[in-house]
C-alpha atoms as a PDB file:
ATOM      1  CA  MET A   1     192.539 100.125 -47.456  1.00  0.00           C
ATOM      2  CA  GLN A   2     194.203 103.261 -46.124  1.00  0.00           C
ATOM      3  CA  LYS A   3     197.606 101.935 -47.245  1.00  0.00           C
ATOM      4  CA  PHE A   4     196.430 101.598 -50.854  1.00  0.00           C
ATOM      5  CA  SER A   5     194.996 105.092 -50.767  1.00  0.00           C
ATOM      6  CA  ASN A   6     198.331 106.499 -49.568  1.00  0.00           C
ATOM      7  CA  ILE A   7     200.281 104.535 -52.185  1.00  0.00           C
ATOM      8  CA  TYR A   8     197.907 105.743 -54.914  1.00  0.00           C
ATOM      9  CA  LYS A   9     198.339 109.380 -53.799  1.00  0.00           C
ATOM     10  CA  LEU A  10     202.136 108.979 -53.752  1.00  0.00           C
ATOM     11  CA  ILE A  11     202.213 107.432 -57.210  1.00  0.00           C
ATOM     12  CA  LYS A  12     199.775 109.984 -58.584  1.00  0.00           C
ATOM     13  CA  SER A  13     201.674 112.957 -57.203  1.00  0.00           C
ATOM     14  CA  LYS A  14     205.211 111.691 -57.849  1.00  0.00           C
ATOM     15  CA  TYR A  15     204.964 109.663 -61.061  1.00  0.00           C
ATOM     16  CA  THR A  16     202.157 111.303 -63.044  1.00  0.00           C
ATOM     17  CA  LYS A  17     204.392 112.172 -66.030  1.00  0.00           C
ATOM     18  CA  GLU A  18     205.880 108.688 -66.180  1.00  0.00           C
ATOM     19  CA  ILE A  19     202.499 106.978 -65.922  1.00  0.00           C
ATOM     20  CA  LEU A  20     201.090 109.256 -68.623  1.00  0.00           C
ATOM     21  CA  PHE A  21     204.080 108.468 -70.855  1.00  0.00           C
ATOM     22  CA  VAL A  22     203.591 104.702 -70.453  1.00  0.00           C
ATOM     23  CA  VAL A  23     199.820 104.936 -71.038  1.00  0.00           C
ATOM     24  CA  LYS A  24     200.346 107.046 -74.180  1.00  0.00           C
ATOM     25  CA  LEU A  25     203.131 104.756 -75.371  1.00  0.00           C
ATOM     26  CA  LEU A  26     201.063 101.590 -75.048  1.00  0.00           C
ATOM     27  CA  SER A  27     197.932 103.240 -76.474  1.00  0.00           C
ATOM     28  CA  ILE A  28     199.690 104.598 -79.554  1.00  0.00           C
ATOM     29  CA  TYR A  29     201.476 101.303 -80.184  1.00  0.00           C
ATOM     30  CA  PHE A  30     198.339  99.178 -79.873  1.00  0.00           C
ATOM     31  CA  VAL A  31     196.214 101.534 -82.011  1.00  0.00           C
ATOM     32  CA  LEU A  32     198.882 101.571 -84.751  1.00  0.00           C
ATOM     33  CA  ASN A  33     199.328  97.807 -84.514  1.00  0.00           C
ATOM     34  CA  LEU A  34     195.570  97.324 -84.911  1.00  0.00           C
ATOM     35  CA  PHE A  35     195.525  99.790 -87.812  1.00  0.00           C
ATOM     36  CA  PHE A  36     198.386  98.024 -89.637  1.00  0.00           C
ATOM     37  CA  THR A  37     196.740  94.639 -89.042  1.00  0.00           C
ATOM     38  CA  PHE A  38     193.415  95.967 -90.318  1.00  0.00           C
ATOM     39  CA  ILE A  39     194.911  97.630 -93.402  1.00  0.00           C
ATOM     40  CA  THR A  40     196.816  94.448 -94.221  1.00  0.00           C
ATOM     41  CA  GLY A  41     193.621  92.409 -93.859  1.00  0.00           C
ATOM     42  CA  VAL A  42     191.490  94.636 -96.092  1.00  0.00           C
ATOM     43  CA  THR A  43     194.083  94.759 -98.873  1.00  0.00           C
ATOM     44  CA  ILE A  44     194.538  90.986 -99.298  1.00  0.00           C
ATOM     45  CA  SER A  45     192.215  89.854-102.076  1.00  0.00           C
ATOM     46  CA  GLY A  46     190.051  86.909-101.149  1.00  0.00           C
ATOM     47  CA  GLY A  47     190.006  87.851 -97.481  1.00  0.00           C
ATOM     48  CA  SER A  48     186.712  88.225 -95.635  1.00  0.00           C
ATOM     49  CA  LEU A  49     187.363  91.952 -95.048  1.00  0.00           C
ATOM     50  CA  TYR A  50     188.772  92.718 -98.513  1.00  0.00           C
ATOM     51  CA  SER A  51     187.981  96.201 -99.785  1.00  0.00           C
ATOM     52  CA  GLU A  52     188.674  96.896-103.441  1.00  0.00           C
ATOM     53  CA  PHE A  53     188.666 100.660-102.803  1.00  0.00           C
ATOM     54  CA  ILE A  54     191.261 100.480-100.012  1.00  0.00           C
ATOM     55  CA  ALA A  55     193.326  97.927-101.963  1.00  0.00           C
ATOM     56  CA  LYS A  56     193.371 100.254-104.948  1.00  0.00           C
ATOM     57  CA  TYR A  57     193.737 103.712-103.383  1.00  0.00           C
ATOM     58  CA  LEU A  58     195.008 103.325 -99.799  1.00  0.00           C
ATOM     59  CA  ASN A  59     197.194 100.253-100.050  1.00  0.00           C
ATOM     60  CA  ILE A  60     200.107 101.146 -97.758  1.00  0.00           C
ATOM     61  CA  VAL A  61     201.159  97.485 -97.725  1.00  0.00           C
ATOM     62  CA  ASP A  62     201.786  97.471-101.486  1.00  0.00           C
ATOM     63  CA  PHE A  63     203.351 100.935-101.334  1.00  0.00           C
ATOM     64  CA  ASN A  64     205.704  99.924 -98.536  1.00  0.00           C
ATOM     65  CA  THR A  65     206.639  96.728-100.378  1.00  0.00           C
ATOM     66  CA  LYS A  66     207.653  98.824-103.396  1.00  0.00           C
ATOM     67  CA  VAL A  67     209.517 101.312-101.193  1.00  0.00           C
ATOM     68  CA  ILE A  68     211.690  98.447 -99.949  1.00  0.00           C
ATOM     69  CA  LEU A  69     212.033  96.283-103.070  1.00  0.00           C
ATOM     70  CA  HIS A  70     212.648  98.944-105.752  1.00  0.00           C
ATOM     71  CA  PRO A  71     215.746 100.422-104.046  1.00  0.00           C
ATOM     72  CA  SER A  72     216.927  96.866-103.304  1.00  0.00           C
ATOM     73  CA  LYS A  73     216.595  95.992-106.994  1.00  0.00           C
ATOM     74  CA  TRP A  74     218.413  99.178-107.963  1.00  0.00           C
ATOM     75  CA  ILE A  75     221.314  98.456-105.582  1.00  0.00           C
ATOM     76  CA  LEU A  76     221.634  94.910-106.935  1.00  0.00           C
ATOM     77  CA  LYS A  77     221.580  96.198-110.537  1.00  0.00           C
ATOM     78  CA  ILE A  78     224.283  98.817-109.982  1.00  0.00           C
ATOM     79  CA  SER A  79     226.304  96.093-108.250  1.00  0.00           C
ATOM     80  CA  GLY A  80     226.310  94.210-111.575  1.00  0.00           C
ATOM     81  CA  TYR A  81     223.560  91.646-110.945  1.00  0.00           C
ATOM     82  CA  GLN A  82     220.699  90.835-113.284  1.00  0.00           C
ATOM     83  CA  THR A  83     217.534  90.700-111.194  1.00  0.00           C
ATOM     84  CA  TYR A  84     213.996  89.482-111.511  1.00  0.00           C
ATOM     85  CA  PHE A  85     211.135  91.239-109.794  1.00  0.00           C
ATOM     86  CA  TYR A  86     207.430  90.510-109.680  1.00  0.00           C
ATOM     87  CA  ASP A  87     204.730  91.198-107.089  1.00  0.00           C
ATOM     88  CA  ASN A  88     206.616  90.945-103.803  1.00  0.00           C
ATOM     89  CA  VAL A  89     209.490  88.727-105.009  1.00  0.00           C
ATOM     90  CA  LEU A  90     213.002  89.940-105.810  1.00  0.00           C
ATOM     91  CA  GLY A  91     216.017  87.845-106.731  1.00  0.00           C
ATOM     92  CA  ILE A  92     219.137  87.490-108.837  1.00  0.00           C
ATOM     93  CA  GLU A  93     218.739  85.807-112.246  1.00  0.00           C
ATOM     94  CA  GLY A  94     219.796  82.195-112.038  1.00  0.00           C
ATOM     95  CA  GLY A  95     219.629  82.233-108.267  1.00  0.00           C
ATOM     96  CA  ASN A  96     217.173  82.326-105.444  1.00  0.00           C
ATOM     97  CA  GLY A  97     215.118  85.297-104.443  1.00  0.00           C
ATOM     98  CA  ILE A  98     213.148  86.453-101.474  1.00  0.00           C
ATOM     99  CA  ARG A  99     209.451  87.016-101.003  1.00  0.00           C
ATOM    100  CA  LEU A 100     208.737  90.093 -98.933  1.00  0.00           C
ATOM    101  CA  MET A 101     205.795  89.190 -96.730  1.00  0.00           C
ATOM    102  CA  HIS A 102     203.627  91.530 -94.663  1.00  0.00           C
ATOM    103  CA  ALA A 103     205.533  90.751 -91.470  1.00  0.00           C
ATOM    104  CA  CYS A 104     208.775  91.838 -93.192  1.00  0.00           C
ATOM    105  CA  LEU A 105     207.620  95.383 -93.888  1.00  0.00           C
ATOM    106  CA  GLY A 106     208.527  96.772 -90.480  1.00  0.00           C
ATOM    107  CA  PHE A 107     205.093  98.096 -89.522  1.00  0.00           C
ATOM    108  CA  GLN A 108     205.541  96.980 -85.899  1.00  0.00           C
ATOM    109  CA  LEU A 109     208.920  98.707 -85.758  1.00  0.00           C
ATOM    110  CA  VAL A 110     207.425 101.913 -87.131  1.00  0.00           C
ATOM    111  CA  GLY A 111     204.687 101.549 -84.506  1.00  0.00           C
ATOM    112  CA  VAL A 112     207.289 101.346 -81.724  1.00  0.00           C
ATOM    113  CA  LEU A 113     209.097 104.386 -83.122  1.00  0.00           C
ATOM    114  CA  ALA A 114     205.854 106.379 -83.367  1.00  0.00           C
ATOM    115  CA  ALA A 115     204.779 105.368 -79.868  1.00  0.00           C
ATOM    116  CA  LEU A 116     208.095 106.437 -78.358  1.00  0.00           C
ATOM    117  CA  ILE A 117     208.333 109.766 -80.164  1.00  0.00           C
ATOM    118  CA  PHE A 118     204.706 110.854 -79.897  1.00  0.00           C
ATOM    119  CA  SER A 119     204.367 109.778 -76.256  1.00  0.00           C
ATOM    120  CA  PHE A 120     207.092 112.118 -75.107  1.00  0.00           C
ATOM    121  CA  PRO A 121     205.975 115.735 -74.628  1.00  0.00           C
ATOM    122  CA  ALA A 122     207.561 117.868 -77.363  1.00  0.00           C
ATOM    123  CA  ASP A 123     206.617 120.229 -80.163  1.00  0.00           C
ATOM    124  CA  LEU A 124     204.478 118.370 -82.724  1.00  0.00           C
ATOM    125  CA  ARG A 125     206.535 119.599 -85.705  1.00  0.00           C
ATOM    126  CA  PHE A 126     209.683 118.355 -83.981  1.00  0.00           C
ATOM    127  CA  GLN A 127     208.065 114.981 -83.311  1.00  0.00           C
ATOM    128  CA  VAL A 128     206.823 114.640 -86.905  1.00  0.00           C
ATOM    129  CA  ARG A 129     210.271 115.501 -88.293  1.00  0.00           C
ATOM    130  CA  TYR A 130     212.005 112.907 -86.109  1.00  0.00           C
ATOM    131  CA  PHE A 131     209.312 110.322 -86.812  1.00  0.00           C
ATOM    132  CA  ILE A 132     209.754 110.756 -90.579  1.00  0.00           C
ATOM    133  CA  LEU A 133     213.551 110.569 -90.295  1.00  0.00           C
ATOM    134  CA  GLY A 134     213.280 107.476 -88.094  1.00  0.00           C
ATOM    135  CA  THR A 135     210.891 105.820 -90.538  1.00  0.00           C
ATOM    136  CA  PHE A 136     213.362 106.452 -93.373  1.00  0.00           C
ATOM    137  CA  LEU A 137     216.084 104.925 -91.203  1.00  0.00           C
ATOM    138  CA  ILE A 138     213.977 101.790 -90.606  1.00  0.00           C
ATOM    139  CA  GLN A 139     213.243 101.487 -94.347  1.00  0.00           C
ATOM    140  CA  PHE A 140     216.918 101.981 -95.197  1.00  0.00           C
ATOM    141  CA  LEU A 141     217.902  99.190 -92.797  1.00  0.00           C
ATOM    142  CA  ASN A 142     215.214  96.975 -94.333  1.00  0.00           C
ATOM    143  CA  VAL A 143     216.631  97.607 -97.819  1.00  0.00           C
ATOM    144  CA  VAL A 144     220.123  96.709 -96.557  1.00  0.00           C
ATOM    145  CA  ARG A 145     218.695  93.488 -95.067  1.00  0.00           C
ATOM    146  CA  ILE A 146     216.917  92.506 -98.296  1.00  0.00           C
ATOM    147  CA  VAL A 147     220.007  93.144-100.441  1.00  0.00           C
ATOM    148  CA  ALA A 148     222.210  91.215 -97.992  1.00  0.00           C
ATOM    149  CA  LEU A 149     219.803  88.257 -97.896  1.00  0.00           C
ATOM    150  CA  ILE A 150     219.529  88.061-101.679  1.00  0.00           C
ATOM    151  CA  TRP A 151     223.288  88.327-101.994  1.00  0.00           C
ATOM    152  CA  LEU A 152     223.832  85.567 -99.402  1.00  0.00           C
ATOM    153  CA  TYR A 153     221.211  83.305-100.988  1.00  0.00           C
ATOM    154  CA  SER A 154     222.771  83.742-104.412  1.00  0.00           C
ATOM    155  CA  PHE A 155     226.230  82.646-103.261  1.00  0.00           C
ATOM    156  CA  ASP A 156     225.548  79.852-100.826  1.00  0.00           C
ATOM    157  CA  GLU A 157     222.104  78.337-100.467  1.00  0.00           C
ATOM    158  CA  ASN A 158     223.355  75.952 -97.781  1.00  0.00           C
ATOM    159  CA  SER A 159     225.162  78.484 -95.609  1.00  0.00           C
ATOM    160  CA  ASN A 160     224.629  78.229 -91.848  1.00  0.00           C
ATOM    161  CA  ILE A 161     224.092  81.983 -91.712  1.00  0.00           C
ATOM    162  CA  LEU A 162     220.856  81.477 -93.619  1.00  0.00           C
ATOM    163  CA  SER A 163     219.515  79.128 -90.955  1.00  0.00           C
ATOM    164  CA  LEU A 164     219.319  82.045 -88.512  1.00  0.00           C
ATOM    165  CA  ASP A 165     215.921  83.545 -87.963  1.00  0.00           C
ATOM    166  CA  GLN A 166     216.768  86.687 -89.899  1.00  0.00           C
ATOM    167  CA  HIS A 167     213.385  88.253 -89.150  1.00  0.00           C
ATOM    168  CA  ASP A 168     213.920  88.201 -85.377  1.00  0.00           C
ATOM    169  CA  LEU A 169     217.564  89.180 -85.774  1.00  0.00           C
ATOM    170  CA  PHE A 170     216.553  92.158 -87.928  1.00  0.00           C
ATOM    171  CA  ASN A 171     213.857  93.203 -85.459  1.00  0.00           C
ATOM    172  CA  GLY A 172     216.339  93.018 -82.587  1.00  0.00           C
ATOM    173  CA  VAL A 173     218.929  95.110 -84.427  1.00  0.00           C
ATOM    174  CA  VAL A 174     216.386  97.696 -85.521  1.00  0.00           C
ATOM    175  CA  MET A 175     214.820  97.834 -82.045  1.00  0.00           C
ATOM    176  CA  THR A 176     218.273  98.644 -80.668  1.00  0.00           C
ATOM    177  CA  VAL A 177     218.719 101.330 -83.334  1.00  0.00           C
ATOM    178  CA  ILE A 178     215.281 102.747 -82.442  1.00  0.00           C
ATOM    179  CA  LEU A 179     216.230 102.963 -78.755  1.00  0.00           C
ATOM    180  CA  PHE A 180     219.471 104.801 -79.582  1.00  0.00           C
ATOM    181  CA  TYR A 181     217.533 107.039 -81.971  1.00  0.00           C
ATOM    182  CA  PHE A 182     215.001 107.784 -79.211  1.00  0.00           C
ATOM    183  CA  VAL A 183     217.822 108.736 -76.815  1.00  0.00           C
ATOM    184  CA  TYR A 184     219.174 111.047 -79.542  1.00  0.00           C
ATOM    185  CA  PHE A 185     215.650 112.477 -79.938  1.00  0.00           C
ATOM    186  CA  LEU A 186     215.435 113.095 -76.176  1.00  0.00           C
ATOM    187  CA  LYS A 187     218.760 114.950 -76.202  1.00  0.00           C
ATOM    188  CA  LYS A 188     217.551 117.120 -79.075  1.00  0.00           C
ATOM    189  CA  VAL A 189     214.256 117.819 -77.270  1.00  0.00           C
ATOM    190  CA  LYS A 190     216.123 118.960 -74.161  1.00  0.00           C
ATOM    191  CA  SER A 191     218.445 121.213 -76.195  1.00  0.00           C
ATOM    192  CA  THR A 192     215.565 123.056 -77.889  1.00  0.00           C
END
């Protein structure tokens, strides 16, 4: 029992900042993940938790869908394509389209970004600025993914590239970008 007491004292005295960072990181991520899951659940009509008020006035799922699909539609239009767009579906006229589902919105990625940035001790204004910039970066990458998928689907429905799990591939790429962005954030924190 004495050994565990000594180990606990060593960890507590030597690694307090690191332990606090990990606890904050996991707490922020899980709270945001629960929040995004809850808000998705209450905005889907017909669900057991559906709230008309939240669906009408606080629907971040619908807002985020539009934030991704409207720029995607615009990019396709200025590229010379005629598009169709309804609800959460976007495509090229005469071709296939994509349906942007809740899992495609990047909420978990934004949760990871928020957890990393807000877990590290820094000025709150600095953290908010880098969180907003990082969120825009994630949304930009999501728009690029949607445009690329629609473009690929319109040219070759049977392409082997389309058999990849693009959702996991996208998450892996964006997770790597988030880690590099966090390292950049850390360098900026240390220089201020």
